[in-house]
Amino acid sequence: MLETITMTHMENKQTAVEWLVEQITKYHDKEFATYYKAEIDQAEQMEKQQLQESYMEGYDEGVYDRDYK
């Protein structure tokens, strides 16, 4: 069963895609990441693009400092 996400996971700066691949390879064939490499790479690119778009939306709206003032 998948473990609960804790602040420790967030502090490691692990992306959701990286975390998911790690969890799946713990419980399934270690070849998973190799077999689905193209799909994992695409998911990582999508995640990166979503993060960039979110940042730009916040910046455009004036939310650009760490304190969100």
N, C-alpha and C. Protein backbone atom coordinates (compact mmCIF):
# COMPACT_ATOMS: atom_id res chain seq x y z
N MET A 1 0.84 -1.18 0.00
CA MET A 1 0.00 0.00 0.00
C MET A 1 0.89 1.25 0.00
N LEU A 2 0.44 2.27 -0.68
CA LEU A 2 1.24 3.50 -0.77
C LEU A 2 1.29 4.21 0.57
N GLU A 3 2.45 4.75 0.88
CA GLU A 3 2.60 5.47 2.14
C GLU A 3 1.98 6.86 2.05
N THR A 4 1.66 7.41 3.18
CA THR A 4 1.09 8.75 3.24
C THR A 4 2.16 9.78 2.92
N ILE A 5 1.79 10.78 2.14
CA ILE A 5 2.72 11.86 1.82
C ILE A 5 2.89 12.72 3.06
N THR A 6 4.10 12.99 3.42
CA THR A 6 4.40 13.81 4.59
C THR A 6 5.21 15.02 4.16
N MET A 7 5.44 15.91 5.10
CA MET A 7 6.26 17.08 4.81
C MET A 7 7.67 16.66 4.42
N THR A 8 8.13 15.50 4.89
CA THR A 8 9.46 15.02 4.52
C THR A 8 9.57 14.87 3.01
N HIS A 9 8.52 14.34 2.38
CA HIS A 9 8.54 14.20 0.92
C HIS A 9 8.62 15.58 0.27
N MET A 10 7.89 16.52 0.79
CA MET A 10 7.88 17.86 0.21
C MET A 10 9.23 18.53 0.42
N GLU A 11 9.86 18.29 1.57
CA GLU A 11 11.16 18.90 1.85
C GLU A 11 12.24 18.35 0.93
N ASN A 12 12.06 17.15 0.43
CA ASN A 12 13.03 16.56 -0.50
C ASN A 12 12.95 17.17 -1.88
N LYS A 13 11.95 18.02 -2.10
CA LYS A 13 11.73 18.67 -3.39
C LYS A 13 11.54 17.64 -4.50
N GLN A 14 10.86 16.58 -4.17
CA GLN A 14 10.57 15.53 -5.12
C GLN A 14 9.27 15.87 -5.83
N THR A 15 9.26 15.77 -7.14
CA THR A 15 8.04 16.08 -7.87
C THR A 15 7.05 14.95 -7.69
N ALA A 16 5.80 15.22 -8.02
CA ALA A 16 4.75 14.21 -7.91
C ALA A 16 5.05 13.03 -8.83
N VAL A 17 5.56 13.31 -10.02
CA VAL A 17 5.88 12.23 -10.96
C VAL A 17 7.03 11.38 -10.41
N GLU A 18 8.06 12.01 -9.89
CA GLU A 18 9.18 11.27 -9.32
C GLU A 18 8.72 10.40 -8.15
N TRP A 19 7.87 10.96 -7.30
CA TRP A 19 7.35 10.21 -6.16
C TRP A 19 6.55 9.00 -6.63
N LEU A 20 5.69 9.19 -7.63
CA LEU A 20 4.87 8.10 -8.13
C LEU A 20 5.73 6.98 -8.72
N VAL A 21 6.71 7.33 -9.51
CA VAL A 21 7.61 6.32 -10.08
C VAL A 21 8.33 5.56 -8.97
N GLU A 22 8.79 6.28 -7.96
CA GLU A 22 9.47 5.65 -6.83
C GLU A 22 8.55 4.65 -6.13
N GLN A 23 7.31 5.06 -5.88
CA GLN A 23 6.36 4.19 -5.19
C GLN A 23 6.03 2.94 -6.01
N ILE A 24 5.82 3.12 -7.30
CA ILE A 24 5.48 1.98 -8.16
C ILE A 24 6.65 1.00 -8.24
N THR A 25 7.87 1.52 -8.38
CA THR A 25 9.02 0.62 -8.49
C THR A 25 9.34 -0.08 -7.17
N LYS A 26 8.84 0.44 -6.04
CA LYS A 26 9.01 -0.25 -4.76
C LYS A 26 8.22 -1.55 -4.74
N TYR A 27 7.05 -1.53 -5.36
CA TYR A 27 6.12 -2.64 -5.24
C TYR A 27 5.96 -3.48 -6.51
N HIS A 28 6.55 -3.04 -7.59
CA HIS A 28 6.41 -3.74 -8.86
C HIS A 28 7.78 -3.93 -9.50
N ASP A 29 7.77 -4.50 -10.65
CA ASP A 29 8.98 -4.78 -11.41
C ASP A 29 9.85 -3.52 -11.53
N LYS A 30 11.11 -3.67 -11.26
CA LYS A 30 12.05 -2.54 -11.33
C LYS A 30 12.22 -2.02 -12.75
N GLU A 31 11.77 -2.78 -13.72
CA GLU A 31 11.87 -2.37 -15.12
C GLU A 31 10.77 -1.37 -15.50
N PHE A 32 9.85 -1.10 -14.57
CA PHE A 32 8.73 -0.20 -14.84
C PHE A 32 9.20 1.12 -15.44
N ALA A 33 10.14 1.77 -14.77
CA ALA A 33 10.60 3.09 -15.21
C ALA A 33 11.25 3.03 -16.59
N THR A 34 11.93 1.94 -16.89
CA THR A 34 12.55 1.78 -18.20
C THR A 34 11.49 1.54 -19.27
N TYR A 35 10.54 0.68 -18.95
CA TYR A 35 9.49 0.31 -19.91
C TYR A 35 8.62 1.51 -20.27
N TYR A 36 8.33 2.36 -19.28
CA TYR A 36 7.46 3.52 -19.50
C TYR A 36 8.24 4.84 -19.55
N LYS A 37 9.50 4.78 -19.95
CA LYS A 37 10.35 5.97 -19.94
C LYS A 37 9.76 7.14 -20.74
N ALA A 38 9.24 6.89 -21.92
CA ALA A 38 8.69 7.97 -22.74
C ALA A 38 7.50 8.64 -22.04
N GLU A 39 6.64 7.83 -21.43
CA GLU A 39 5.48 8.37 -20.74
C GLU A 39 5.89 9.15 -19.48
N ILE A 40 6.87 8.63 -18.76
CA ILE A 40 7.36 9.31 -17.56
C ILE A 40 8.01 10.63 -17.94
N ASP A 41 8.82 10.62 -19.00
CA ASP A 41 9.45 11.86 -19.47
C ASP A 41 8.40 12.89 -19.87
N GLN A 42 7.35 12.44 -20.56
CA GLN A 42 6.29 13.35 -20.96
C GLN A 42 5.56 13.92 -19.75
N ALA A 43 5.29 13.08 -18.76
CA ALA A 43 4.62 13.54 -17.53
C ALA A 43 5.48 14.56 -16.80
N GLU A 44 6.79 14.33 -16.76
CA GLU A 44 7.70 15.29 -16.11
C GLU A 44 7.71 16.62 -16.85
N GLN A 45 7.70 16.58 -18.17
CA GLN A 45 7.65 17.81 -18.97
C GLN A 45 6.34 18.56 -18.73
N MET A 46 5.23 17.82 -18.68
CA MET A 46 3.93 18.45 -18.43
C MET A 46 3.91 19.10 -17.05
N GLU A 47 4.47 18.40 -16.06
CA GLU A 47 4.52 18.93 -14.70
C GLU A 47 5.35 20.21 -14.66
N LYS A 48 6.48 20.20 -15.35
CA LYS A 48 7.36 21.38 -15.40
C LYS A 48 6.64 22.56 -16.06
N GLN A 49 5.94 22.29 -17.15
CA GLN A 49 5.21 23.34 -17.86
C GLN A 49 4.10 23.91 -16.99
N GLN A 50 3.39 23.04 -16.26
CA GLN A 50 2.32 23.51 -15.38
C GLN A 50 2.88 24.41 -14.28
N LEU A 51 4.03 24.05 -13.74
CA LEU A 51 4.67 24.86 -12.70
C LEU A 51 5.07 26.23 -13.25
N GLN A 52 5.65 26.23 -14.45
CA GLN A 52 6.04 27.50 -15.07
C GLN A 52 4.82 28.38 -15.35
N GLU A 53 3.74 27.78 -15.84
CA GLU A 53 2.53 28.54 -16.11
C GLU A 53 1.92 29.10 -14.84
N SER A 54 1.93 28.31 -13.76
CA SER A 54 1.40 28.78 -12.48
C SER A 54 2.23 29.95 -11.95
N TYR A 55 3.55 29.83 -12.07
CA TYR A 55 4.42 30.90 -11.64
C TYR A 55 4.12 32.18 -12.41
N MET A 56 4.01 32.06 -13.72
CA MET A 56 3.75 33.25 -14.55
C MET A 56 2.38 33.86 -14.25
N GLU A 57 1.38 33.04 -14.00
CA GLU A 57 0.06 33.56 -13.64
C GLU A 57 0.15 34.35 -12.34
N GLY A 58 0.86 33.80 -11.36
CA GLY A 58 1.04 34.50 -10.09
C GLY A 58 1.82 35.78 -10.27
N TYR A 59 2.86 35.73 -11.08
CA TYR A 59 3.68 36.92 -11.33
C TYR A 59 2.86 37.99 -12.02
N ASP A 60 2.06 37.60 -13.00
CA ASP A 60 1.22 38.56 -13.72
C ASP A 60 0.19 39.21 -12.81
N GLU A 61 -0.22 38.47 -11.78
CA GLU A 61 -1.22 39.01 -10.84
C GLU A 61 -0.57 39.72 -9.66
N GLY A 62 0.74 39.84 -9.67
CA GLY A 62 1.44 40.57 -8.62
C GLY A 62 1.82 39.71 -7.43
N VAL A 63 1.65 38.41 -7.52
CA VAL A 63 2.03 37.52 -6.43
C VAL A 63 3.37 36.92 -6.80
N TYR A 64 4.43 37.66 -6.48
CA TYR A 64 5.74 37.21 -6.93
C TYR A 64 6.77 37.13 -5.83
N ASP A 65 6.40 37.49 -4.60
CA ASP A 65 7.42 37.33 -3.58
C ASP A 65 7.06 36.17 -2.65
N ARG A 66 8.03 35.67 -1.95
CA ARG A 66 7.84 34.45 -1.16
C ARG A 66 6.77 34.62 -0.08
N ASP A 67 6.51 35.82 0.36
CA ASP A 67 5.50 36.04 1.39
C ASP A 67 4.11 36.24 0.80
N TYR A 68 4.01 36.20 -0.52
CA TYR A 68 2.75 36.36 -1.24
C TYR A 68 2.00 37.63 -0.84
N LYS A 69 2.75 38.73 -0.80
CA LYS A 69 2.15 40.03 -0.44
C LYS A 69 1.66 40.72 -1.68
